[in-house]
Amino acid sequence: MDGGKFSAMLSVIVPPVVGLISSRKGLPEAAATELFYRSKVYGRLSDESSKLWHYSAETLYSMYEDEVSGRSIEYPEEAY
């Protein structure tokens, strides 16, 4: 996938994840956005080769929760 298409895909994937963080943590959307962009999960998501963009917002949120809770991030097997 070319860079433009991947960037467009990220712009569709990220808002639902941020929405989950915002609603479940009771945070303003701007704060939730900043937290997600600083996460390792977002770092992997933004790397097209990780294939994390295949996963649902709920799965990505769960991975984010693992990270911020100090648990080992459970990457779906096919993401490697």
N, C-alpha and C. Protein backbone atom coordinates (compact mmCIF):
# COMPACT_ATOMS: atom_id res chain seq x y z
N MET A 1 0.86 -1.17 0.00
CA MET A 1 0.00 0.00 0.00
C MET A 1 0.91 1.23 0.00
N ASP A 2 0.57 2.21 -0.82
CA ASP A 2 1.43 3.40 -0.85
C ASP A 2 1.19 4.26 0.39
N GLY A 3 2.12 5.18 0.65
CA GLY A 3 2.09 6.00 1.85
C GLY A 3 0.83 6.81 2.03
N GLY A 4 0.29 7.35 0.92
CA GLY A 4 -0.93 8.15 1.00
C GLY A 4 -2.13 7.32 1.42
N LYS A 5 -2.23 6.13 0.87
CA LYS A 5 -3.34 5.24 1.24
C LYS A 5 -3.22 4.79 2.69
N PHE A 6 -1.99 4.52 3.12
CA PHE A 6 -1.80 4.10 4.50
C PHE A 6 -2.14 5.23 5.46
N SER A 7 -1.72 6.45 5.15
CA SER A 7 -2.05 7.60 5.99
C SER A 7 -3.56 7.80 6.08
N ALA A 8 -4.23 7.61 4.96
CA ALA A 8 -5.69 7.73 4.95
C ALA A 8 -6.32 6.64 5.81
N MET A 9 -5.75 5.45 5.75
CA MET A 9 -6.28 4.36 6.56
C MET A 9 -6.09 4.66 8.05
N LEU A 10 -4.93 5.19 8.43
CA LEU A 10 -4.71 5.56 9.82
C LEU A 10 -5.72 6.60 10.29
N SER A 11 -6.06 7.53 9.39
CA SER A 11 -7.02 8.58 9.78
C SER A 11 -8.42 8.02 10.01
N VAL A 12 -8.67 6.80 9.54
CA VAL A 12 -9.94 6.12 9.78
C VAL A 12 -9.85 5.23 11.02
N ILE A 13 -8.70 4.63 11.26
CA ILE A 13 -8.52 3.68 12.36
C ILE A 13 -8.35 4.37 13.71
N VAL A 14 -7.59 5.43 13.75
CA VAL A 14 -7.23 6.06 15.03
C VAL A 14 -8.42 6.67 15.78
N PRO A 15 -9.32 7.43 15.14
CA PRO A 15 -10.40 8.06 15.91
C PRO A 15 -11.26 7.11 16.74
N PRO A 16 -11.64 5.93 16.24
CA PRO A 16 -12.41 5.03 17.11
C PRO A 16 -11.63 4.55 18.34
N VAL A 17 -10.33 4.34 18.18
CA VAL A 17 -9.50 3.92 19.32
C VAL A 17 -9.44 5.05 20.33
N VAL A 18 -9.20 6.26 19.85
CA VAL A 18 -9.17 7.44 20.73
C VAL A 18 -10.52 7.60 21.42
N GLY A 19 -11.60 7.37 20.69
CA GLY A 19 -12.94 7.47 21.28
C GLY A 19 -13.12 6.48 22.42
N LEU A 20 -12.62 5.26 22.25
CA LEU A 20 -12.70 4.27 23.32
C LEU A 20 -11.88 4.70 24.54
N ILE A 21 -10.69 5.20 24.31
CA ILE A 21 -9.85 5.67 25.42
C ILE A 21 -10.57 6.82 26.14
N SER A 22 -11.09 7.75 25.38
CA SER A 22 -11.76 8.91 25.95
C SER A 22 -12.97 8.50 26.79
N SER A 23 -13.82 7.67 26.23
CA SER A 23 -15.06 7.30 26.94
C SER A 23 -14.80 6.38 28.13
N ARG A 24 -13.89 5.44 27.98
CA ARG A 24 -13.66 4.48 29.06
C ARG A 24 -12.79 5.02 30.19
N LYS A 25 -12.00 6.03 29.87
CA LYS A 25 -11.14 6.63 30.89
C LYS A 25 -11.69 7.97 31.39
N GLY A 26 -12.76 8.43 30.77
CA GLY A 26 -13.35 9.71 31.17
C GLY A 26 -12.44 10.89 30.88
N LEU A 27 -11.76 10.82 29.74
CA LEU A 27 -10.81 11.87 29.37
C LEU A 27 -11.35 12.69 28.21
N PRO A 28 -10.95 13.95 28.14
CA PRO A 28 -11.28 14.72 26.94
C PRO A 28 -10.60 14.07 25.73
N GLU A 29 -11.20 14.22 24.58
CA GLU A 29 -10.67 13.60 23.37
C GLU A 29 -9.24 14.03 23.08
N ALA A 30 -8.93 15.30 23.32
CA ALA A 30 -7.56 15.78 23.05
C ALA A 30 -6.54 15.06 23.92
N ALA A 31 -6.87 14.83 25.18
CA ALA A 31 -5.96 14.13 26.09
C ALA A 31 -5.82 12.67 25.67
N ALA A 32 -6.94 12.05 25.30
CA ALA A 32 -6.90 10.66 24.86
C ALA A 32 -6.07 10.52 23.59
N THR A 33 -6.20 11.49 22.69
CA THR A 33 -5.43 11.48 21.45
C THR A 33 -3.94 11.55 21.75
N GLU A 34 -3.55 12.45 22.63
CA GLU A 34 -2.14 12.61 22.98
C GLU A 34 -1.59 11.33 23.61
N LEU A 35 -2.35 10.74 24.51
CA LEU A 35 -1.90 9.50 25.15
C LEU A 35 -1.72 8.39 24.12
N PHE A 36 -2.67 8.25 23.22
CA PHE A 36 -2.56 7.19 22.23
C PHE A 36 -1.38 7.42 21.29
N TYR A 37 -1.20 8.66 20.84
CA TYR A 37 -0.08 8.95 19.94
C TYR A 37 1.27 8.70 20.58
N ARG A 38 1.35 8.76 21.90
CA ARG A 38 2.62 8.52 22.61
C ARG A 38 2.83 7.05 22.94
N SER A 39 1.86 6.22 22.66
CA SER A 39 1.94 4.81 23.05
C SER A 39 2.77 3.98 22.08
N LYS A 40 3.26 2.86 22.60
CA LYS A 40 3.98 1.90 21.76
C LYS A 40 3.02 1.27 20.74
N VAL A 41 1.77 1.10 21.15
CA VAL A 41 0.78 0.52 20.24
C VAL A 41 0.62 1.40 19.01
N TYR A 42 0.50 2.72 19.22
CA TYR A 42 0.39 3.61 18.07
C TYR A 42 1.67 3.56 17.24
N GLY A 43 2.80 3.50 17.90
CA GLY A 43 4.07 3.40 17.17
C GLY A 43 4.09 2.20 16.24
N ARG A 44 3.61 1.08 16.74
CA ARG A 44 3.54 -0.13 15.90
C ARG A 44 2.47 0.02 14.83
N LEU A 45 1.31 0.58 15.22
CA LEU A 45 0.21 0.77 14.27
C LEU A 45 0.65 1.64 13.10
N SER A 46 1.44 2.66 13.38
CA SER A 46 1.86 3.58 12.34
C SER A 46 2.94 3.00 11.42
N ASP A 47 3.45 1.82 11.78
CA ASP A 47 4.39 1.10 10.93
C ASP A 47 3.58 0.10 10.10
N GLU A 48 3.39 0.40 8.85
CA GLU A 48 2.54 -0.43 7.99
C GLU A 48 2.91 -1.90 8.03
N SER A 49 4.19 -2.19 8.13
CA SER A 49 4.64 -3.58 8.10
C SER A 49 4.18 -4.39 9.32
N SER A 50 3.77 -3.72 10.39
CA SER A 50 3.29 -4.43 11.58
C SER A 50 1.95 -5.10 11.34
N LYS A 51 1.23 -4.62 10.36
CA LYS A 51 -0.10 -5.15 10.00
C LYS A 51 -1.15 -4.96 11.10
N LEU A 52 -0.86 -4.10 12.10
CA LEU A 52 -1.85 -3.86 13.15
C LEU A 52 -3.08 -3.15 12.62
N TRP A 53 -2.96 -2.51 11.48
CA TRP A 53 -4.10 -1.80 10.90
C TRP A 53 -5.21 -2.76 10.48
N HIS A 54 -4.95 -4.05 10.51
CA HIS A 54 -5.97 -5.05 10.19
C HIS A 54 -6.96 -5.25 11.34
N TYR A 55 -6.60 -4.82 12.53
CA TYR A 55 -7.39 -5.13 13.71
C TYR A 55 -8.41 -4.05 14.05
N SER A 56 -9.42 -4.49 14.78
CA SER A 56 -10.51 -3.59 15.16
C SER A 56 -10.05 -2.58 16.20
N ALA A 57 -10.85 -1.53 16.34
CA ALA A 57 -10.58 -0.51 17.37
C ALA A 57 -10.58 -1.17 18.75
N GLU A 58 -11.47 -2.10 18.96
CA GLU A 58 -11.55 -2.78 20.26
C GLU A 58 -10.28 -3.57 20.56
N THR A 59 -9.74 -4.26 19.56
CA THR A 59 -8.50 -5.02 19.73
C THR A 59 -7.34 -4.07 20.00
N LEU A 60 -7.26 -2.99 19.25
CA LEU A 60 -6.18 -2.01 19.45
C LEU A 60 -6.30 -1.35 20.82
N TYR A 61 -7.54 -1.08 21.25
CA TYR A 61 -7.75 -0.51 22.59
C TYR A 61 -7.27 -1.50 23.66
N SER A 62 -7.57 -2.77 23.48
CA SER A 62 -7.15 -3.79 24.44
C SER A 62 -5.62 -3.85 24.52
N MET A 63 -4.97 -3.75 23.39
CA MET A 63 -3.51 -3.73 23.36
C MET A 63 -2.98 -2.49 24.07
N TYR A 64 -3.62 -1.35 23.84
CA TYR A 64 -3.25 -0.10 24.51
C TYR A 64 -3.41 -0.26 26.02
N GLU A 65 -4.52 -0.85 26.46
CA GLU A 65 -4.76 -1.08 27.89
C GLU A 65 -3.67 -1.97 28.49
N ASP A 66 -3.28 -3.00 27.78
CA ASP A 66 -2.19 -3.85 28.26
C ASP A 66 -0.94 -3.00 28.49
N GLU A 67 -0.64 -2.15 27.53
CA GLU A 67 0.56 -1.32 27.63
C GLU A 67 0.49 -0.38 28.84
N VAL A 68 -0.58 0.38 28.97
CA VAL A 68 -0.64 1.37 30.05
C VAL A 68 -0.82 0.74 31.42
N SER A 69 -1.27 -0.50 31.45
CA SER A 69 -1.43 -1.20 32.73
C SER A 69 -0.14 -1.90 33.16
N GLY A 70 0.87 -1.80 32.31
CA GLY A 70 2.15 -2.41 32.63
C GLY A 70 2.23 -3.89 32.29
N ARG A 71 1.18 -4.39 31.65
CA ARG A 71 1.20 -5.79 31.23
C ARG A 71 1.93 -5.89 29.90
N SER A 72 2.36 -7.08 29.60
CA SER A 72 2.97 -7.33 28.31
C SER A 72 1.90 -7.12 27.22
N ILE A 73 2.25 -6.40 26.19
CA ILE A 73 1.31 -6.15 25.11
C ILE A 73 1.13 -7.45 24.33
N GLU A 74 -0.11 -7.85 24.22
CA GLU A 74 -0.43 -9.08 23.49
C GLU A 74 -0.71 -8.73 22.04
N TYR A 75 0.30 -8.88 21.20
CA TYR A 75 0.12 -8.63 19.78
C TYR A 75 -0.48 -9.87 19.15
N PRO A 76 -1.51 -9.68 18.34
CA PRO A 76 -2.06 -10.83 17.63
C PRO A 76 -0.95 -11.52 16.82
N GLU A 77 -0.98 -12.81 16.81
CA GLU A 77 0.08 -13.60 16.19
C GLU A 77 0.42 -13.15 14.77
N GLU A 78 -0.60 -12.88 13.98
CA GLU A 78 -0.33 -12.52 12.59
C GLU A 78 0.23 -11.12 12.43
N ALA A 79 0.39 -10.36 13.51
CA ALA A 79 0.94 -9.02 13.42
C ALA A 79 2.46 -9.01 13.29
N TYR A 80 3.10 -10.15 13.50
CA TYR A 80 4.57 -10.17 13.44
C TYR A 80 5.08 -10.36 12.06
